[in-house]
Amino acid sequence: MSTTTQTSPPRPATWMLKVAMAITGSILVAFVLVHLFGNLKVYTGAEHFDDYAQWLRTAFAPFLPEGLVLLLFRIVIGTSFLVHIVAGTMLWARARKARGPYRASIKAARTGFQSFSARLMPITGVFLLAFVIIHLLDLTIGLHPVATEVFQHPEGTRPEAYANLVASFSRPWMAAIYVIAMALVSFHVAHGITTVVQDLGAMGYRLRMVAAIVAGLVALVILLGNASIPLAVQFGVIS
């Protein structure tokens, strides 16, 4: 008498993980674009950039407690980032397990840039996680030696965001880290957008081409906009 063992489907379902990746990824891309818009204010000078940093801390005051909007914003972004990491790791592990002993042959059979970029997504994700930690220690927390020795914490209600940014990017090695990180962010975003569109059922050639063009343009804007700032500091355009 033989018995069959039924394997229960994994929890959470794969489609739920993909939806979570799509939603959190969209939130994070929107954040990167908004953050880029704010960062570009550095080209308007120290006063305007510090005013912008101050506004982030006092938005909607006195109707809301000072700093509440920024706190809620950080909670949403932090939660999205965490969910994105967990869901992405689970999907990667399931795909790896599903390939089983044929992993090498399947990988060898895959060709094209899309397949290549898909294999790099977990790697770029790990590097981006490390960069986020560096970025927080450098320009938010101000922890030496990641941050400069002259990092100025906000005194009272006036942040010194401009001076901290210039001091940080005046170090060639830190400027290089940011430029490389922006290249990785752009790569990750471009592939992520095209993947989300495909996961949502876009199979037509024209729609996939439009998605690829949009993804490329968004990635290019992120790369050129953000990478220009440390380079501008290095070349003395911002000082």
C-alpha atoms as a PDB file:
ATOM      1  CA  MET A   1       0.000   0.000   0.000  1.00  0.00           C
ATOM      2  CA  SER A   2       1.540   3.272  -1.089  1.00  0.00           C
ATOM      3  CA  THR A   3       0.965   6.635   0.397  1.00  0.00           C
ATOM      4  CA  THR A   4       1.376   9.963  -1.304  1.00  0.00           C
ATOM      5  CA  THR A   5       2.512  13.026   0.509  1.00  0.00           C
ATOM      6  CA  GLN A   6       0.894  16.229  -0.577  1.00  0.00           C
ATOM      7  CA  THR A   7       3.093  19.246  -0.251  1.00  0.00           C
ATOM      8  CA  SER A   8       1.238  22.292   0.975  1.00  0.00           C
ATOM      9  CA  PRO A   9       1.772  25.474  -1.034  1.00  0.00           C
ATOM     10  CA  PRO A  10       4.319  27.877   0.420  1.00  0.00           C
ATOM     11  CA  ARG A  11       3.179  30.718   2.618  1.00  0.00           C
ATOM     12  CA  PRO A  12       2.836  33.480   1.770  1.00  0.00           C
ATOM     13  CA  ALA A  13       1.875  32.708  -1.812  1.00  0.00           C
ATOM     14  CA  THR A  14       4.356  33.652  -4.505  1.00  0.00           C
ATOM     15  CA  TRP A  15       1.887  36.036  -6.133  1.00  0.00           C
ATOM     16  CA  MET A  16       1.513  37.854  -2.821  1.00  0.00           C
ATOM     17  CA  LEU A  17       5.274  38.268  -2.580  1.00  0.00           C
ATOM     18  CA  LYS A  18       5.387  39.655  -6.123  1.00  0.00           C
ATOM     19  CA  VAL A  19       2.612  42.118  -5.311  1.00  0.00           C
ATOM     20  CA  ALA A  20       4.485  43.169  -2.185  1.00  0.00           C
ATOM     21  CA  MET A  21       7.631  43.662  -4.258  1.00  0.00           C
ATOM     22  CA  ALA A  22       5.709  45.735  -6.814  1.00  0.00           C
ATOM     23  CA  ILE A  23       4.017  47.970  -4.239  1.00  0.00           C
ATOM     24  CA  THR A  24       7.078  48.553  -2.064  1.00  0.00           C
ATOM     25  CA  GLY A  25       9.284  48.956  -5.114  1.00  0.00           C
ATOM     26  CA  SER A  26       6.966  51.642  -6.489  1.00  0.00           C
ATOM     27  CA  ILE A  27       7.011  53.444  -3.132  1.00  0.00           C
ATOM     28  CA  LEU A  28      10.805  53.330  -3.026  1.00  0.00           C
ATOM     29  CA  VAL A  29      11.180  54.571  -6.619  1.00  0.00           C
ATOM     30  CA  ALA A  30       8.823  57.451  -5.838  1.00  0.00           C
ATOM     31  CA  PHE A  31      10.901  58.233  -2.752  1.00  0.00           C
ATOM     32  CA  VAL A  32      14.140  58.220  -4.756  1.00  0.00           C
ATOM     33  CA  LEU A  33      12.652  60.675  -7.274  1.00  0.00           C
ATOM     34  CA  VAL A  34      11.278  62.988  -4.569  1.00  0.00           C
ATOM     35  CA  HIS A  35      14.580  62.759  -2.706  1.00  0.00           C
ATOM     36  CA  LEU A  36      16.387  63.639  -5.934  1.00  0.00           C
ATOM     37  CA  PHE A  37      14.218  66.739  -6.379  1.00  0.00           C
ATOM     38  CA  GLY A  38      15.133  67.862  -2.871  1.00  0.00           C
ATOM     39  CA  ASN A  39      18.821  67.055  -3.331  1.00  0.00           C
ATOM     40  CA  LEU A  40      19.022  69.182  -6.470  1.00  0.00           C
ATOM     41  CA  LYS A  41      18.196  72.218  -4.347  1.00  0.00           C
ATOM     42  CA  VAL A  42      21.843  72.100  -3.311  1.00  0.00           C
ATOM     43  CA  TYR A  43      22.585  73.909  -6.595  1.00  0.00           C
ATOM     44  CA  THR A  44      20.575  76.915  -5.341  1.00  0.00           C
ATOM     45  CA  GLY A  45      23.008  77.551  -2.505  1.00  0.00           C
ATOM     46  CA  ALA A  46      23.442  76.868   1.185  1.00  0.00           C
ATOM     47  CA  GLU A  47      20.553  79.021   2.421  1.00  0.00           C
ATOM     48  CA  HIS A  48      17.913  77.474   0.175  1.00  0.00           C
ATOM     49  CA  PHE A  49      19.163  73.934   0.769  1.00  0.00           C
ATOM     50  CA  ASP A  50      19.193  74.398   4.545  1.00  0.00           C
ATOM     51  CA  ASP A  51      15.719  75.958   4.358  1.00  0.00           C
ATOM     52  CA  TYR A  52      14.534  72.832   2.557  1.00  0.00           C
ATOM     53  CA  ALA A  53      16.099  70.604   5.230  1.00  0.00           C
ATOM     54  CA  GLN A  54      14.418  72.745   7.870  1.00  0.00           C
ATOM     55  CA  TRP A  55      11.042  72.457   6.131  1.00  0.00           C
ATOM     56  CA  LEU A  56      11.293  68.662   6.229  1.00  0.00           C
ATOM     57  CA  ARG A  57      11.469  68.882  10.024  1.00  0.00           C
ATOM     58  CA  THR A  58       8.706  71.444  10.495  1.00  0.00           C
ATOM     59  CA  ALA A  59       6.245  70.488   7.736  1.00  0.00           C
ATOM     60  CA  PHE A  60       2.606  71.281   8.633  1.00  0.00           C
ATOM     61  CA  ALA A  61       3.553  72.761  12.006  1.00  0.00           C
ATOM     62  CA  PRO A  62       1.823  73.971  14.149  1.00  0.00           C
ATOM     63  CA  PHE A  63      -1.135  71.910  12.919  1.00  0.00           C
ATOM     64  CA  LEU A  64       0.944  68.783  13.474  1.00  0.00           C
ATOM     65  CA  PRO A  65       3.733  68.275  16.031  1.00  0.00           C
ATOM     66  CA  GLU A  66       7.121  69.310  14.686  1.00  0.00           C
ATOM     67  CA  GLY A  67       8.958  66.378  13.146  1.00  0.00           C
ATOM     68  CA  LEU A  68       5.864  64.139  12.961  1.00  0.00           C
ATOM     69  CA  VAL A  69       5.583  64.236   9.156  1.00  0.00           C
ATOM     70  CA  LEU A  70       9.263  63.379   8.760  1.00  0.00           C
ATOM     71  CA  LEU A  71       8.904  60.555  11.294  1.00  0.00           C
ATOM     72  CA  LEU A  72       5.876  59.071   9.519  1.00  0.00           C
ATOM     73  CA  PHE A  73       7.672  59.401   6.189  1.00  0.00           C
ATOM     74  CA  ARG A  74      10.686  57.522   7.548  1.00  0.00           C
ATOM     75  CA  ILE A  75       8.443  54.790   8.978  1.00  0.00           C
ATOM     76  CA  VAL A  76       6.734  54.262   5.605  1.00  0.00           C
ATOM     77  CA  ILE A  77      10.027  54.195   3.711  1.00  0.00           C
ATOM     78  CA  GLY A  78      11.737  51.991   6.300  1.00  0.00           C
ATOM     79  CA  THR A  79       8.839  49.519   6.339  1.00  0.00           C
ATOM     80  CA  SER A  80       8.705  49.420   2.534  1.00  0.00           C
ATOM     81  CA  PHE A  81      12.449  48.823   2.402  1.00  0.00           C
ATOM     82  CA  LEU A  82      12.235  45.973   4.915  1.00  0.00           C
ATOM     83  CA  VAL A  83       9.270  44.306   3.194  1.00  0.00           C
ATOM     84  CA  HIS A  84      11.021  44.651  -0.166  1.00  0.00           C
ATOM     85  CA  ILE A  85      14.120  42.911   1.176  1.00  0.00           C
ATOM     86  CA  VAL A  86      12.184  40.084   2.839  1.00  0.00           C
ATOM     87  CA  ALA A  87       9.904  39.459  -0.153  1.00  0.00           C
ATOM     88  CA  GLY A  88      12.800  39.607  -2.603  1.00  0.00           C
ATOM     89  CA  THR A  89      14.862  37.190  -0.535  1.00  0.00           C
ATOM     90  CA  MET A  90      11.968  34.716  -0.293  1.00  0.00           C
ATOM     91  CA  LEU A  91      11.321  34.860  -4.037  1.00  0.00           C
ATOM     92  CA  TRP A  92      15.013  34.365  -4.793  1.00  0.00           C
ATOM     93  CA  ALA A  93      15.199  31.378  -2.420  1.00  0.00           C
ATOM     94  CA  ARG A  94      12.084  29.762  -3.926  1.00  0.00           C
ATOM     95  CA  ALA A  95      13.354  30.195  -7.477  1.00  0.00           C
ATOM     96  CA  ARG A  96      16.712  28.734  -6.512  1.00  0.00           C
ATOM     97  CA  LYS A  97      15.055  25.757  -4.811  1.00  0.00           C
ATOM     98  CA  ALA A  98      12.726  25.174  -7.784  1.00  0.00           C
ATOM     99  CA  ARG A  99      15.674  24.895 -10.172  1.00  0.00           C
ATOM    100  CA  GLY A 100      17.212  22.227  -7.958  1.00  0.00           C
ATOM    101  CA  PRO A 101      20.087  20.190  -9.442  1.00  0.00           C
ATOM    102  CA  TYR A 102      19.441  21.713 -12.891  1.00  0.00           C
ATOM    103  CA  ARG A 103      20.402  25.202 -11.679  1.00  0.00           C
ATOM    104  CA  ALA A 104      23.629  25.371 -13.686  1.00  0.00           C
ATOM    105  CA  SER A 105      22.098  24.131 -16.931  1.00  0.00           C
ATOM    106  CA  ILE A 106      19.150  26.514 -16.641  1.00  0.00           C
ATOM    107  CA  LYS A 107      21.483  29.420 -15.958  1.00  0.00           C
ATOM    108  CA  ALA A 108      23.608  28.484 -18.963  1.00  0.00           C
ATOM    109  CA  ALA A 109      20.530  28.322 -21.176  1.00  0.00           C
ATOM    110  CA  ARG A 110      19.491  31.847 -20.258  1.00  0.00           C
ATOM    111  CA  THR A 111      20.745  34.536 -22.594  1.00  0.00           C
ATOM    112  CA  GLY A 112      20.177  38.217 -23.100  1.00  0.00           C
ATOM    113  CA  PHE A 113      20.473  41.366 -21.017  1.00  0.00           C
ATOM    114  CA  GLN A 114      17.162  40.768 -19.217  1.00  0.00           C
ATOM    115  CA  SER A 115      18.367  37.442 -17.877  1.00  0.00           C
ATOM    116  CA  PHE A 116      21.751  38.889 -16.964  1.00  0.00           C
ATOM    117  CA  SER A 117      20.184  41.810 -15.090  1.00  0.00           C
ATOM    118  CA  ALA A 118      17.779  39.467 -13.282  1.00  0.00           C
ATOM    119  CA  ARG A 119      20.697  37.441 -11.923  1.00  0.00           C
ATOM    120  CA  LEU A 120      22.367  40.637 -10.714  1.00  0.00           C
ATOM    121  CA  MET A 121      19.339  41.942  -8.804  1.00  0.00           C
ATOM    122  CA  PRO A 122      20.136  40.106  -5.531  1.00  0.00           C
ATOM    123  CA  ILE A 123      23.750  41.265  -5.750  1.00  0.00           C
ATOM    124  CA  THR A 124      22.863  44.905  -6.389  1.00  0.00           C
ATOM    125  CA  GLY A 125      20.279  44.650  -3.619  1.00  0.00           C
ATOM    126  CA  VAL A 126      22.939  43.644  -1.079  1.00  0.00           C
ATOM    127  CA  PHE A 127      25.211  46.497  -2.147  1.00  0.00           C
ATOM    128  CA  LEU A 128      22.342  48.976  -1.966  1.00  0.00           C
ATOM    129  CA  LEU A 129      21.498  47.834   1.557  1.00  0.00           C
ATOM    130  CA  ALA A 130      25.102  48.516   2.551  1.00  0.00           C
ATOM    131  CA  PHE A 131      24.914  51.919   0.858  1.00  0.00           C
ATOM    132  CA  VAL A 132      21.735  52.893   2.719  1.00  0.00           C
ATOM    133  CA  ILE A 133      23.502  52.142   6.003  1.00  0.00           C
ATOM    134  CA  ILE A 134      26.514  54.216   4.932  1.00  0.00           C
ATOM    135  CA  HIS A 135      24.267  57.064   3.799  1.00  0.00           C
ATOM    136  CA  LEU A 136      22.401  57.161   7.117  1.00  0.00           C
ATOM    137  CA  LEU A 137      25.615  57.093   9.139  1.00  0.00           C
ATOM    138  CA  ASP A 138      27.165  59.743   6.901  1.00  0.00           C
ATOM    139  CA  LEU A 139      24.520  62.434   6.399  1.00  0.00           C
ATOM    140  CA  THR A 140      21.726  61.635   8.856  1.00  0.00           C
ATOM    141  CA  ILE A 141      23.260  60.271  12.059  1.00  0.00           C
ATOM    142  CA  GLY A 142      26.698  61.788  11.553  1.00  0.00           C
ATOM    143  CA  LEU A 143      28.678  58.885  13.000  1.00  0.00           C
ATOM    144  CA  HIS A 144      32.457  59.159  12.572  1.00  0.00           C
ATOM    145  CA  PRO A 145      34.457  57.750  10.756  1.00  0.00           C
ATOM    146  CA  VAL A 146      31.754  57.317   8.098  1.00  0.00           C
ATOM    147  CA  ALA A 147      30.729  60.933   8.597  1.00  0.00           C
ATOM    148  CA  THR A 148      33.302  63.683   8.648  1.00  0.00           C
ATOM    149  CA  GLU A 149      34.825  65.004  11.857  1.00  0.00           C
ATOM    150  CA  VAL A 150      33.215  68.378  11.164  1.00  0.00           C
ATOM    151  CA  PHE A 151      29.676  66.979  10.869  1.00  0.00           C
ATOM    152  CA  GLN A 152      27.275  69.469  12.433  1.00  0.00           C
ATOM    153  CA  HIS A 153      24.185  68.166  14.169  1.00  0.00           C
ATOM    154  CA  PRO A 154      21.146  70.465  14.006  1.00  0.00           C
ATOM    155  CA  GLU A 155      21.334  73.128  16.687  1.00  0.00           C
ATOM    156  CA  GLY A 156      17.891  74.232  17.770  1.00  0.00           C
ATOM    157  CA  THR A 157      15.783  74.254  14.617  1.00  0.00           C
ATOM    158  CA  ARG A 158      18.463  75.074  12.037  1.00  0.00           C
ATOM    159  CA  PRO A 159      20.118  72.136  10.229  1.00  0.00           C
ATOM    160  CA  GLU A 160      23.497  72.438   8.534  1.00  0.00           C
ATOM    161  CA  ALA A 161      22.663  70.084   5.685  1.00  0.00           C
ATOM    162  CA  TYR A 162      24.612  71.990   3.022  1.00  0.00           C
ATOM    163  CA  ALA A 163      27.855  72.143   5.005  1.00  0.00           C
ATOM    164  CA  ASN A 164      27.586  68.470   5.939  1.00  0.00           C
ATOM    165  CA  LEU A 165      26.994  67.441   2.326  1.00  0.00           C
ATOM    166  CA  VAL A 166      29.921  69.459   0.984  1.00  0.00           C
ATOM    167  CA  ALA A 167      32.251  68.188   3.713  1.00  0.00           C
ATOM    168  CA  SER A 168      31.272  64.588   3.017  1.00  0.00           C
ATOM    169  CA  PHE A 169      31.561  64.755  -0.767  1.00  0.00           C
ATOM    170  CA  SER A 170      34.871  66.588  -0.535  1.00  0.00           C
ATOM    171  CA  ARG A 171      36.352  63.184   0.287  1.00  0.00           C
ATOM    172  CA  PRO A 172      37.084  61.498  -3.075  1.00  0.00           C
ATOM    173  CA  TRP A 173      36.444  57.982  -1.753  1.00  0.00           C
ATOM    174  CA  MET A 174      33.007  58.948  -0.411  1.00  0.00           C
ATOM    175  CA  ALA A 175      32.107  60.746  -3.632  1.00  0.00           C
ATOM    176  CA  ALA A 176      33.091  57.596  -5.543  1.00  0.00           C
ATOM    177  CA  ILE A 177      30.890  55.445  -3.289  1.00  0.00           C
ATOM    178  CA  TYR A 178      27.886  57.662  -3.990  1.00  0.00           C
ATOM    179  CA  VAL A 179      28.443  57.688  -7.758  1.00  0.00           C
ATOM    180  CA  ILE A 180      28.787  53.891  -7.872  1.00  0.00           C
ATOM    181  CA  ALA A 181      25.747  53.507  -5.619  1.00  0.00           C
ATOM    182  CA  MET A 182      23.663  55.697  -7.931  1.00  0.00           C
ATOM    183  CA  ALA A 183      24.680  53.521 -10.877  1.00  0.00           C
ATOM    184  CA  LEU A 184      23.505  50.455  -8.949  1.00  0.00           C
ATOM    185  CA  VAL A 185      20.265  52.178  -7.916  1.00  0.00           C
ATOM    186  CA  SER A 186      19.575  53.077 -11.544  1.00  0.00           C
ATOM    187  CA  PHE A 187      20.260  49.527 -12.703  1.00  0.00           C
ATOM    188  CA  HIS A 188      18.049  48.099  -9.940  1.00  0.00           C
ATOM    189  CA  VAL A 189      15.212  50.528 -10.694  1.00  0.00           C
ATOM    190  CA  ALA A 190      15.317  49.930 -14.454  1.00  0.00           C
ATOM    191  CA  HIS A 191      15.060  46.171 -14.094  1.00  0.00           C
ATOM    192  CA  GLY A 192      12.498  46.478 -11.307  1.00  0.00           C
ATOM    193  CA  ILE A 193      10.112  48.591 -13.377  1.00  0.00           C
ATOM    194  CA  THR A 194      10.219  46.211 -16.353  1.00  0.00           C
ATOM    195  CA  THR A 195       9.733  43.222 -14.043  1.00  0.00           C
ATOM    196  CA  VAL A 196       6.702  44.780 -12.347  1.00  0.00           C
ATOM    197  CA  VAL A 197       5.084  45.484 -15.710  1.00  0.00           C
ATOM    198  CA  GLN A 198       5.621  41.882 -16.819  1.00  0.00           C
ATOM    199  CA  ASP A 199       4.353  40.489 -13.498  1.00  0.00           C
ATOM    200  CA  LEU A 200       1.182  42.551 -13.926  1.00  0.00           C
ATOM    201  CA  GLY A 201       0.517  40.694 -17.177  1.00  0.00           C
ATOM    202  CA  ALA A 202       1.941  42.961 -19.853  1.00  0.00           C
ATOM    203  CA  MET A 203       2.909  40.498 -22.589  1.00  0.00           C
ATOM    204  CA  GLY A 204       2.527  42.654 -25.698  1.00  0.00           C
ATOM    205  CA  TYR A 205       5.689  43.762 -27.453  1.00  0.00           C
ATOM    206  CA  ARG A 206       4.706  47.440 -27.651  1.00  0.00           C
ATOM    207  CA  LEU A 207       3.743  47.657 -23.990  1.00  0.00           C
ATOM    208  CA  ARG A 208       6.953  45.971 -22.928  1.00  0.00           C
ATOM    209  CA  MET A 209       8.951  48.365 -25.098  1.00  0.00           C
ATOM    210  CA  VAL A 210       7.193  51.374 -23.569  1.00  0.00           C
ATOM    211  CA  ALA A 211       7.926  49.999 -20.112  1.00  0.00           C
ATOM    212  CA  ALA A 212      11.580  49.506 -21.030  1.00  0.00           C
ATOM    213  CA  ILE A 213      11.855  53.085 -22.338  1.00  0.00           C
ATOM    214  CA  VAL A 214      10.192  54.538 -19.236  1.00  0.00           C
ATOM    215  CA  ALA A 215      12.400  52.413 -16.994  1.00  0.00           C
ATOM    216  CA  GLY A 216      15.498  53.578 -18.842  1.00  0.00           C
ATOM    217  CA  LEU A 217      14.516  57.249 -18.631  1.00  0.00           C
ATOM    218  CA  VAL A 218      13.713  57.043 -14.910  1.00  0.00           C
ATOM    219  CA  ALA A 219      16.997  55.267 -14.248  1.00  0.00           C
ATOM    220  CA  LEU A 220      18.914  57.849 -16.293  1.00  0.00           C
ATOM    221  CA  VAL A 221      17.336  60.755 -14.406  1.00  0.00           C
ATOM    222  CA  ILE A 222      18.225  59.153 -11.076  1.00  0.00           C
ATOM    223  CA  LEU A 223      21.790  58.450 -12.172  1.00  0.00           C
ATOM    224  CA  LEU A 224      22.569  61.838 -13.715  1.00  0.00           C
ATOM    225  CA  GLY A 225      20.771  63.855 -11.066  1.00  0.00           C
ATOM    226  CA  ASN A 226      22.163  62.221  -7.956  1.00  0.00           C
ATOM    227  CA  ALA A 227      25.630  61.398  -9.280  1.00  0.00           C
ATOM    228  CA  SER A 228      26.094  64.992 -10.423  1.00  0.00           C
ATOM    229  CA  ILE A 229      26.137  66.274  -6.836  1.00  0.00           C
ATOM    230  CA  PRO A 230      29.267  64.530  -5.479  1.00  0.00           C
ATOM    231  CA  LEU A 231      30.978  65.190  -8.808  1.00  0.00           C
ATOM    232  CA  ALA A 232      30.038  68.883  -8.591  1.00  0.00           C
ATOM    233  CA  VAL A 233      31.583  69.051  -5.125  1.00  0.00           C
ATOM    234  CA  GLN A 234      34.741  67.333  -6.342  1.00  0.00           C
ATOM    235  CA  PHE A 235      35.122  69.778  -9.236  1.00  0.00           C
ATOM    236  CA  GLY A 236      34.374  72.822  -7.116  1.00  0.00           C
ATOM    237  CA  VAL A 237      31.011  73.683  -8.673  1.00  0.00           C
ATOM    238  CA  ILE A 238      29.446  73.259  -5.225  1.00  0.00           C
ATOM    239  CA  SER A 239      31.562  74.453  -2.320  1.00  0.00           C
END
